[in-house]
Amino acid sequence: MKTVIHKADTRGFANHGWLKSHHTFSFAGYQNPERMNFGMLRVLNDDVVQPKMGFGTHPHQNMEINLFP
């Protein structure tokens, strides 16, 4: 497997107040044609969500949202 390095300061960023998100691949307002996906992986975000805020139920199928403290 080929190793691909995406340095942190080259990622997209969105600040929605309650959500601060760094995007490794094209997502939402960050679009980079060279970073559309990696195999079956479509999104890899590093998010900070404010307490008592967050995401409601998502209708995604075969998707996973991992939360790390």
Protein backbone atom coordinates (compact mmCIF):
# COMPACT_ATOMS: atom_id res chain seq x y z
CA MET A 1 0.00 0.00 0.00
CA LYS A 2 1.22 3.49 -0.87
CA THR A 3 1.81 5.92 2.00
CA VAL A 4 0.29 9.37 1.47
CA ILE A 5 1.15 12.20 3.86
CA HIS A 6 -1.18 15.18 4.25
CA LYS A 7 0.39 17.69 6.62
CA ALA A 8 -1.95 19.27 9.16
CA ASP A 9 -1.49 22.83 7.88
CA THR A 10 -2.61 21.81 4.35
CA ARG A 11 -6.09 20.72 5.42
CA GLY A 12 -9.33 22.62 5.00
CA PHE A 13 -10.90 24.34 8.01
CA ALA A 14 -14.43 25.38 8.92
CA ASN A 15 -15.53 27.27 12.03
CA HIS A 16 -19.27 27.07 12.68
CA GLY A 17 -19.03 28.41 16.23
CA TRP A 18 -20.25 25.21 17.92
CA LEU A 19 -18.11 23.10 15.55
CA LYS A 20 -14.51 23.59 14.46
CA SER A 21 -13.49 21.10 11.82
CA HIS A 22 -10.29 20.32 9.91
CA HIS A 23 -10.91 18.41 6.67
CA THR A 24 -8.29 16.04 5.26
CA PHE A 25 -10.33 15.33 2.12
CA SER A 26 -12.70 17.57 0.16
CA PHE A 27 -15.71 18.19 2.37
CA ALA A 28 -18.34 20.94 2.72
CA GLY A 29 -16.74 24.24 1.65
CA TYR A 30 -13.22 22.79 1.31
CA GLN A 31 -12.75 21.39 -2.18
CA ASN A 32 -9.42 20.09 -3.46
CA PRO A 33 -9.62 17.88 -6.58
CA GLU A 34 -6.46 16.04 -5.49
CA ARG A 35 -8.12 15.07 -2.17
CA MET A 36 -11.49 13.66 -3.11
CA ASN A 37 -11.23 10.38 -1.18
CA PHE A 38 -8.88 7.57 -0.32
CA GLY A 39 -10.23 4.24 -1.45
CA MET A 40 -13.56 3.71 0.31
CA LEU A 41 -12.79 6.42 2.88
CA ARG A 42 -14.68 9.59 1.94
CA VAL A 43 -14.31 11.84 4.96
CA LEU A 44 -11.65 12.19 7.63
CA ASN A 45 -12.34 15.21 9.81
CA ASP A 46 -10.74 16.31 13.05
CA ASP A 47 -13.61 18.04 14.85
CA VAL A 48 -14.02 19.97 18.09
CA VAL A 49 -17.69 20.14 19.15
CA GLN A 50 -18.84 22.49 21.91
CA PRO A 51 -20.46 20.86 24.97
CA LYS A 52 -24.23 20.26 24.75
CA MET A 53 -24.09 20.87 21.01
CA GLY A 54 -23.45 18.40 18.28
CA PHE A 55 -24.89 16.38 15.50
CA GLY A 56 -28.44 15.11 15.41
CA THR A 57 -29.32 11.74 13.98
CA HIS A 58 -27.69 11.26 10.59
CA PRO A 59 -29.38 9.28 7.82
CA HIS A 60 -26.07 7.81 6.63
CA GLN A 61 -25.83 4.11 5.92
CA ASN A 62 -22.58 2.20 6.34
CA MET A 63 -20.96 5.23 7.95
CA GLU A 64 -19.37 5.63 11.34
CA ILE A 65 -18.80 8.65 13.56
CA ASN A 66 -16.15 8.04 16.21
CA LEU A 67 -15.99 10.32 19.21
CA PHE A 68 -12.79 10.59 21.20
CA PRO A 69 -12.56 12.51 24.47
